C-alpha atoms as a PDB file:
ATOM      1  CA  UNK A   1       6.353  11.310 -11.134  1.00  0.00           C
ATOM      2  CA  UNK A   2       7.235  12.236  -7.544  1.00  0.00           C
ATOM      3  CA  UNK A   3       3.640  13.334  -6.968  1.00  0.00           C
ATOM      4  CA  UNK A   4       2.537   9.816  -7.896  1.00  0.00           C
ATOM      5  CA  UNK A   5       5.027   8.317  -5.453  1.00  0.00           C
ATOM      6  CA  UNK A   6       3.606  10.439  -2.645  1.00  0.00           C
ATOM      7  CA  UNK A   7       0.048   9.533  -3.667  1.00  0.00           C
ATOM      8  CA  UNK A   8       0.995   5.837  -3.761  1.00  0.00           C
ATOM      9  CA  UNK A   9       2.646   6.019  -0.344  1.00  0.00           C
ATOM     10  CA  UNK A  10      -0.414   7.619   1.252  1.00  0.00           C
ATOM     11  CA  UNK A  11      -2.873   5.354  -0.565  1.00  0.00           C
ATOM     12  CA  UNK A  12      -1.053   2.137   0.327  1.00  0.00           C
ATOM     13  CA  UNK A  13      -0.655   3.241   3.941  1.00  0.00           C
ATOM     14  CA  UNK A  14      -4.449   3.550   4.206  1.00  0.00           C
ATOM     15  CA  UNK A  15      -4.907   0.142   2.581  1.00  0.00           C
ATOM     16  CA  UNK A  16      -2.177  -1.836   4.383  1.00  0.00           C
ATOM     17  CA  UNK A  17      -3.578  -2.010   7.917  1.00  0.00           C
ATOM     18  CA  UNK A  18      -7.132  -3.106   7.007  1.00  0.00           C
ATOM     19  CA  UNK A  19      -5.680  -5.663   4.581  1.00  0.00           C
ATOM     20  CA  UNK A  20      -3.348  -7.015   7.260  1.00  0.00           C
ATOM     21  CA  UNK A  21      -6.164  -7.177   9.799  1.00  0.00           C
ATOM     22  CA  UNK A  22      -8.426  -9.026   7.344  1.00  0.00           C
ATOM     23  CA  UNK A  23      -5.630 -11.594   6.923  1.00  0.00           C
ATOM     24  CA  UNK A  24      -5.487 -11.872  10.738  1.00  0.00           C
ATOM     25  CA  UNK A  25      -1.757 -11.162  10.725  1.00  0.00           C
ATOM     26  CA  UNK A  26       0.314  -9.208  13.199  1.00  0.00           C
ATOM     27  CA  UNK A  27       2.764  -6.601  11.955  1.00  0.00           C
ATOM     28  CA  UNK A  28       5.549  -9.052  12.776  1.00  0.00           C
ATOM     29  CA  UNK A  29       3.989 -11.851  10.706  1.00  0.00           C
ATOM     30  CA  UNK A  30       3.228  -9.738   7.647  1.00  0.00           C
ATOM     31  CA  UNK A  31       6.691  -8.186   7.815  1.00  0.00           C
ATOM     32  CA  UNK A  32       8.136 -11.694   7.783  1.00  0.00           C
ATOM     33  CA  UNK A  33       6.058 -12.564   4.700  1.00  0.00           C
ATOM     34  CA  UNK A  34       7.210  -9.348   3.004  1.00  0.00           C
ATOM     35  CA  UNK A  35      10.857 -10.029   3.942  1.00  0.00           C
ATOM     36  CA  UNK A  36      11.189  -6.707   5.760  1.00  0.00           C
ATOM     37  CA  UNK A  37      11.555  -5.749   9.402  1.00  0.00           C
ATOM     38  CA  UNK A  38       8.551  -5.143  11.648  1.00  0.00           C
ATOM     39  CA  UNK A  39       9.786  -1.594  12.111  1.00  0.00           C
ATOM     40  CA  UNK A  40       9.805  -1.044   8.336  1.00  0.00           C
ATOM     41  CA  UNK A  41       6.320  -2.476   8.003  1.00  0.00           C
ATOM     42  CA  UNK A  42       5.039  -0.257  10.804  1.00  0.00           C
ATOM     43  CA  UNK A  43       6.442   2.746   8.941  1.00  0.00           C
ATOM     44  CA  UNK A  44       4.571   1.626   5.816  1.00  0.00           C
ATOM     45  CA  UNK A  45       1.280   1.478   7.710  1.00  0.00           C
ATOM     46  CA  UNK A  46       1.898   4.941   9.148  1.00  0.00           C
ATOM     47  CA  UNK A  47       2.744   6.349   5.718  1.00  0.00           C
ATOM     48  CA  UNK A  48       6.278   7.177   6.827  1.00  0.00           C
ATOM     49  CA  UNK A  49       7.834   4.917   4.231  1.00  0.00           C
ATOM     50  CA  UNK A  50       6.894   3.631   0.842  1.00  0.00           C
ATOM     51  CA  UNK A  51       6.653   0.116  -0.502  1.00  0.00           C
ATOM     52  CA  UNK A  52       9.661  -0.898  -2.566  1.00  0.00           C
ATOM     53  CA  UNK A  53       8.755  -2.689  -5.779  1.00  0.00           C
ATOM     54  CA  UNK A  54       9.654  -6.153  -4.398  1.00  0.00           C
ATOM     55  CA  UNK A  55       7.752  -5.470  -1.165  1.00  0.00           C
ATOM     56  CA  UNK A  56       4.703  -4.239  -3.070  1.00  0.00           C
ATOM     57  CA  UNK A  57       4.726  -7.346  -5.282  1.00  0.00           C
ATOM     58  CA  UNK A  58       5.010  -9.615  -2.231  1.00  0.00           C
ATOM     59  CA  UNK A  59       2.161  -7.690  -0.577  1.00  0.00           C
ATOM     60  CA  UNK A  60      -0.040  -8.015  -3.653  1.00  0.00           C
ATOM     61  CA  UNK A  61       0.751 -11.720  -3.704  1.00  0.00           C
ATOM     62  CA  UNK A  62      -0.958 -12.046  -0.310  1.00  0.00           C
ATOM     63  CA  UNK A  63      -4.213 -10.602  -1.672  1.00  0.00           C
ATOM     64  CA  UNK A  64      -7.028 -12.172  -3.642  1.00  0.00           C
ATOM     65  CA  UNK A  65      -7.432 -11.286  -7.303  1.00  0.00           C
ATOM     66  CA  UNK A  66     -10.387  -9.037  -6.460  1.00  0.00           C
ATOM     67  CA  UNK A  67      -8.398  -7.249  -3.748  1.00  0.00           C
ATOM     68  CA  UNK A  68      -5.503  -6.681  -6.146  1.00  0.00           C
ATOM     69  CA  UNK A  69      -7.881  -5.162  -8.669  1.00  0.00           C
ATOM     70  CA  UNK A  70      -9.387  -2.979  -5.933  1.00  0.00           C
ATOM     71  CA  UNK A  71      -5.907  -1.710  -4.984  1.00  0.00           C
ATOM     72  CA  UNK A  72      -4.964  -0.900  -8.569  1.00  0.00           C
ATOM     73  CA  UNK A  73      -8.302   0.680  -9.513  1.00  0.00           C
ATOM     74  CA  UNK A  74      -8.415   2.600  -6.224  1.00  0.00           C
ATOM     75  CA  UNK A  75      -4.959   4.015  -6.871  1.00  0.00           C
ATOM     76  CA  UNK A  76      -6.017   5.070 -10.373  1.00  0.00           C
ATOM     77  CA  UNK A  77      -8.975   6.934  -8.840  1.00  0.00           C
ATOM     78  CA  UNK A  78      -6.647   8.646  -6.343  1.00  0.00           C
ATOM     79  CA  UNK A  79      -4.375   9.806  -9.173  1.00  0.00           C
ATOM     80  CA  UNK A  80      -7.341  11.031 -11.224  1.00  0.00           C
ATOM     81  CA  UNK A  81      -8.759  12.877  -8.218  1.00  0.00           C
ATOM     82  CA  UNK A  82      -5.398  14.505  -7.450  1.00  0.00           C
ATOM     83  CA  UNK A  83      -4.918  15.567 -11.060  1.00  0.00           C
ATOM     84  CA  UNK A  84      -8.432  16.966 -11.345  1.00  0.00           C
ATOM     85  CA  UNK A  85      -8.198  18.919  -8.092  1.00  0.00           C
ATOM     86  CA  UNK A  86      -4.910  20.451  -9.261  1.00  0.00           C
ATOM     87  CA  UNK A  87      -6.440  21.553 -12.554  1.00  0.00           C
ATOM     88  CA  UNK A  88      -8.980  23.878 -10.930  1.00  0.00           C
END
């Protein structure tokens, strides 16, 4: 399960900044919406920290239904890719 946590952390870090930019939010503003500090949010974007479950749910709540589906399906593809590359 720890491998999935690392995959999730890296995947969400790649997704967070473009999503924030598309919402036209600063790191300070999105951090406020996620009820975390700006410093914590910056760490999330850099992949230095992971989303807690409440923070992830608040983040998903800022997205459209299609974007949520893209996040979930994209993560599934990342997991599948990681598992398949490890099997060779």
